[in-house]
N, C-alpha and C. Protein backbone atom coordinates (compact mmCIF):
# COMPACT_ATOMS: atom_id res chain seq x y z
N MET A 1 101.35 131.57 224.05
CA MET A 1 102.83 131.45 224.98
C MET A 1 102.81 129.61 224.63
N LEU A 2 103.13 129.11 223.97
CA LEU A 2 103.59 127.46 223.33
C LEU A 2 104.73 126.80 224.97
N VAL A 3 103.69 126.01 225.22
CA VAL A 3 104.08 125.11 226.07
C VAL A 3 104.74 124.38 225.71
N LEU A 4 105.54 123.42 226.41
CA LEU A 4 106.47 122.27 225.73
C LEU A 4 106.64 121.59 227.04
N SER A 5 106.69 119.96 227.24
CA SER A 5 107.84 119.05 228.66
C SER A 5 108.26 119.10 227.70
N ARG A 6 109.03 118.28 228.02
CA ARG A 6 110.63 117.97 228.11
C ARG A 6 111.24 117.59 229.44
N GLN A 7 111.91 116.79 228.89
CA GLN A 7 113.09 115.86 230.05
C GLN A 7 114.26 115.80 230.54
N ARG A 8 115.24 116.11 231.24
CA ARG A 8 116.75 116.32 231.14
C ARG A 8 117.48 116.04 230.36
N ASP A 9 118.10 117.03 229.36
CA ASP A 9 118.98 116.30 228.01
C ASP A 9 118.29 116.75 226.78
N GLN A 10 116.56 117.09 226.98
CA GLN A 10 116.38 116.88 225.74
C GLN A 10 116.06 118.42 225.35
N THR A 11 116.12 118.80 224.10
CA THR A 11 116.76 120.46 223.94
C THR A 11 114.77 121.04 222.86
N ILE A 12 115.43 122.52 222.93
CA ILE A 12 113.92 123.21 222.17
C ILE A 12 114.78 123.86 221.21
N MET A 13 114.83 124.43 219.97
CA MET A 13 115.40 125.05 219.25
C MET A 13 114.46 126.24 218.62
N ILE A 14 115.03 127.30 219.14
CA ILE A 14 114.23 128.18 218.35
C ILE A 14 114.44 129.06 216.75
N GLY A 15 114.27 128.93 215.88
CA GLY A 15 114.99 129.40 214.55
C GLY A 15 115.77 128.16 214.22
N ASP A 16 116.94 128.80 213.97
CA ASP A 16 118.12 128.05 213.18
C ASP A 16 119.35 128.09 214.20
N ASP A 17 119.17 129.08 215.06
CA ASP A 17 120.11 129.34 215.35
C ASP A 17 120.19 128.80 217.48
N VAL A 18 119.36 128.87 217.89
CA VAL A 18 118.78 128.96 219.34
C VAL A 18 118.49 128.09 219.64
N GLU A 19 119.46 127.22 220.54
CA GLU A 19 119.28 125.93 221.61
C GLU A 19 118.81 126.01 222.66
N ILE A 20 117.97 125.60 223.51
CA ILE A 20 117.54 125.64 224.76
C ILE A 20 117.54 124.31 225.20
N THR A 21 118.83 123.75 225.97
CA THR A 21 119.11 122.52 226.60
C THR A 21 118.67 122.48 228.53
N ILE A 22 117.54 121.40 228.83
CA ILE A 22 117.40 121.14 230.12
C ILE A 22 118.63 120.24 230.37
N VAL A 23 119.46 121.23 231.57
CA VAL A 23 120.65 120.47 232.07
C VAL A 23 120.60 120.00 233.27
N ASP A 24 119.48 120.56 233.89
CA ASP A 24 118.98 119.62 235.20
C ASP A 24 117.99 119.76 236.13
N ILE A 25 116.86 119.14 236.91
CA ILE A 25 116.53 119.74 236.76
C ILE A 25 116.15 118.77 238.84
N ARG A 26 115.92 120.32 239.72
CA ARG A 26 116.37 119.53 240.97
C ARG A 26 114.76 120.21 241.73
N GLY A 27 114.20 119.54 242.54
CA GLY A 27 112.95 119.97 243.16
C GLY A 27 111.93 120.81 242.03
N GLU A 28 111.57 122.09 242.41
CA GLU A 28 111.30 123.09 241.27
C GLU A 28 112.35 124.24 241.30
N LYS A 29 113.60 123.36 240.74
CA LYS A 29 114.22 124.41 239.75
C LYS A 29 114.56 123.80 238.45
N VAL A 30 114.45 124.54 237.17
CA VAL A 30 115.08 123.43 236.50
C VAL A 30 116.29 124.55 235.82
N ARG A 31 117.28 123.91 235.27
CA ARG A 31 118.63 124.79 234.58
C ARG A 31 118.56 124.41 233.41
N LEU A 32 118.83 125.95 233.20
CA LEU A 32 118.81 125.60 231.23
C LEU A 32 120.12 125.58 230.86
N GLY A 33 120.80 125.12 230.08
CA GLY A 33 121.53 125.86 229.19
C GLY A 33 121.67 126.07 227.35
N ILE A 34 122.08 127.54 227.29
CA ILE A 34 121.39 128.16 226.18
C ILE A 34 122.36 128.46 224.93
N THR A 35 122.26 128.04 224.13
CA THR A 35 123.25 128.17 222.76
C THR A 35 122.37 129.21 222.27
N ALA A 36 123.40 130.11 221.90
CA ALA A 36 123.11 130.69 220.32
C ALA A 36 124.14 132.27 220.32
N PRO A 37 124.40 132.44 219.05
CA PRO A 37 124.82 133.35 218.74
C PRO A 37 124.89 134.80 219.16
N ALA A 38 126.57 135.12 219.10
CA ALA A 38 127.39 136.65 219.87
C ALA A 38 126.24 137.38 219.87
N HIS A 39 125.63 137.61 218.94
CA HIS A 39 124.64 139.02 217.86
C HIS A 39 123.50 138.78 218.95
N ILE A 40 122.69 137.65 219.55
CA ILE A 40 121.45 137.16 220.36
C ILE A 40 121.78 137.36 222.03
N PRO A 41 121.77 138.57 222.19
CA PRO A 41 121.58 138.36 224.06
C PRO A 41 120.45 137.62 224.08
N VAL A 42 120.81 137.55 225.31
CA VAL A 42 120.76 136.26 226.62
C VAL A 42 120.71 136.76 227.70
N HIS A 43 119.18 136.60 228.24
CA HIS A 43 119.45 137.69 230.07
C HIS A 43 118.46 136.65 230.71
N ARG A 44 118.81 136.77 232.20
CA ARG A 44 117.31 136.62 232.32
C ARG A 44 116.47 138.22 232.83
N LYS A 45 115.17 137.37 232.41
CA LYS A 45 114.02 138.18 232.34
C LYS A 45 114.54 139.57 232.91
N GLU A 46 114.56 139.26 234.45
CA GLU A 46 115.06 140.53 235.60
C GLU A 46 116.16 141.66 235.42
N ILE A 47 117.01 140.52 234.87
CA ILE A 47 118.49 141.45 234.33
C ILE A 47 117.71 142.39 233.38
N TYR A 48 117.20 141.58 232.24
CA TYR A 48 116.68 142.26 231.38
C TYR A 48 116.19 143.68 231.29
N ASP A 49 115.09 143.38 232.04
CA ASP A 49 114.36 145.11 232.89
C ASP A 49 115.20 145.41 233.55
N SER A 50 116.09 145.24 234.63
CA SER A 50 116.85 146.40 235.23
C SER A 50 118.18 146.65 234.11
N MET A 51 118.12 145.94 232.39
CA MET A 51 118.51 147.05 231.72
C MET A 51 117.98 148.07 230.86
N ARG A 52 116.59 147.73 230.71
CA ARG A 52 115.52 148.64 230.41
C ARG A 52 115.52 150.41 231.38
N ARG A 53 115.04 149.52 232.19
CA ARG A 53 115.17 149.97 233.43
C ARG A 53 116.27 151.86 232.71
N GLU A 54 117.07 151.23 233.27
CA GLU A 54 118.49 151.92 233.24
C GLU A 54 118.78 152.76 232.11
N LYS A 55 118.62 152.08 230.83
CA LYS A 55 118.27 152.90 229.72
C LYS A 55 117.44 153.81 229.69
N GLN A 56 116.84 153.81 230.36
CA GLN A 56 115.22 154.84 229.88
C GLN A 56 115.54 156.12 231.06
N ALA A 57 116.25 155.45 232.58
CA ALA A 57 116.73 156.71 233.53
C ALA A 57 117.37 157.21 232.49
N ALA A 58 118.43 157.06 231.38
CA ALA A 58 119.34 157.46 231.01
C ALA A 58 119.08 158.49 229.95
N GLY A 59 117.71 158.27 229.50
CA GLY A 59 116.91 159.12 228.86
C GLY A 59 117.24 158.53 227.37
N GLN A 60 117.77 156.88 227.28
CA GLN A 60 117.59 156.50 225.94
C GLN A 60 116.15 156.09 225.10
N GLY A 61 115.95 155.19 224.43
CA GLY A 61 114.66 154.74 223.93
C GLY A 61 115.08 153.39 223.97
N GLU A 62 114.08 153.02 224.06
CA GLU A 62 114.27 151.40 223.15
C GLU A 62 115.36 150.79 222.03
N ASP A 63 115.51 152.72 221.18
CA ASP A 63 116.64 151.87 220.15
C ASP A 63 117.86 152.63 220.62
N GLY A 64 117.58 153.44 221.89
CA GLY A 64 118.94 154.02 221.97
C GLY A 64 119.23 155.46 221.89
N HIS A 65 118.15 155.80 220.89
CA HIS A 65 118.18 156.85 219.79
C HIS A 65 117.51 157.93 220.40
N MET A 66 117.32 158.11 221.65
CA MET A 66 116.41 159.10 222.18
C MET A 66 117.07 160.44 222.42
N VAL A 67 118.50 160.01 223.11
CA VAL A 67 119.07 161.74 222.97
C VAL A 67 120.01 162.10 221.89
N GLU A 68 120.09 160.82 220.67
CA GLU A 68 120.63 161.31 219.45
C GLU A 68 119.67 162.79 219.28
N SER A 69 118.70 162.10 219.24
CA SER A 69 117.56 162.58 218.47
C SER A 69 117.17 163.82 219.26
N LEU A 70 117.11 164.28 220.50
CA LEU A 70 116.85 165.29 221.55
C LEU A 70 117.66 166.68 221.04
N ALA A 71 119.42 165.69 220.96
CA ALA A 71 120.27 166.41 221.01
C ALA A 71 120.05 167.42 219.47
N ASN A 72 119.64 166.82 218.93
CA ASN A 72 119.70 167.32 217.00
C ASN A 72 118.66 167.90 216.58
N ARG A 73 117.67 167.60 217.82
CA ARG A 73 116.21 168.74 217.97
C ARG A 73 117.12 170.49 217.98
N LYS A 74 117.75 170.14 219.66
CA LYS A 74 118.04 170.99 220.05
C LYS A 74 118.80 171.87 218.92
N LYS A 75 119.92 171.14 218.46
CA LYS A 75 120.85 171.77 217.52
C LYS A 75 120.15 172.74 216.86
N ASP A 76 119.35 171.90 216.19
CA ASP A 76 118.25 172.47 214.69
C ASP A 76 117.53 173.77 215.11
N HIS A 77 116.87 173.83 216.96
CA HIS A 77 116.03 174.87 216.85
C HIS A 77 117.27 175.84 217.40
N LYS A 78 118.64 175.97 217.67
CA LYS A 78 119.96 177.01 217.65
C LYS A 78 119.25 177.73 216.81
N SER A 79 120.16 176.50 215.25
CA SER A 79 120.54 177.07 213.96
C SER A 79 119.20 178.17 213.45
N GLU A 80 118.04 177.40 213.90
CA GLU A 80 116.49 178.81 214.00
C GLU A 80 116.84 180.00 214.01
N THR A 81 116.85 179.68 215.41
CA THR A 81 116.81 181.11 216.49
C THR A 81 117.68 181.63 216.42
N GLY A 82 118.97 181.02 216.33
CA GLY A 82 119.83 182.17 216.45
C GLY A 82 120.78 181.83 217.76
N HIS A 83 120.45 180.98 218.73
CA HIS A 83 120.51 180.87 220.00
C HIS A 83 120.97 179.76 220.57
């Protein structure tokens, strides 16, 4: 893990497209401003974890293809057995 020290209004770049700016510091809370392209999802970690759990509970894998894969296996099994 890279650990950086920044002050208010300073920015960190991730690659060429993601900018993280320290917007405010109040006590133990730091407010961040994140600029990223629309195709890069940005979530708080607890929201991201919750979304992953919901996907897994719905039967989707990491990439969302598990349900499709299982449906194809069932279809293949029916065509092989005639049931």
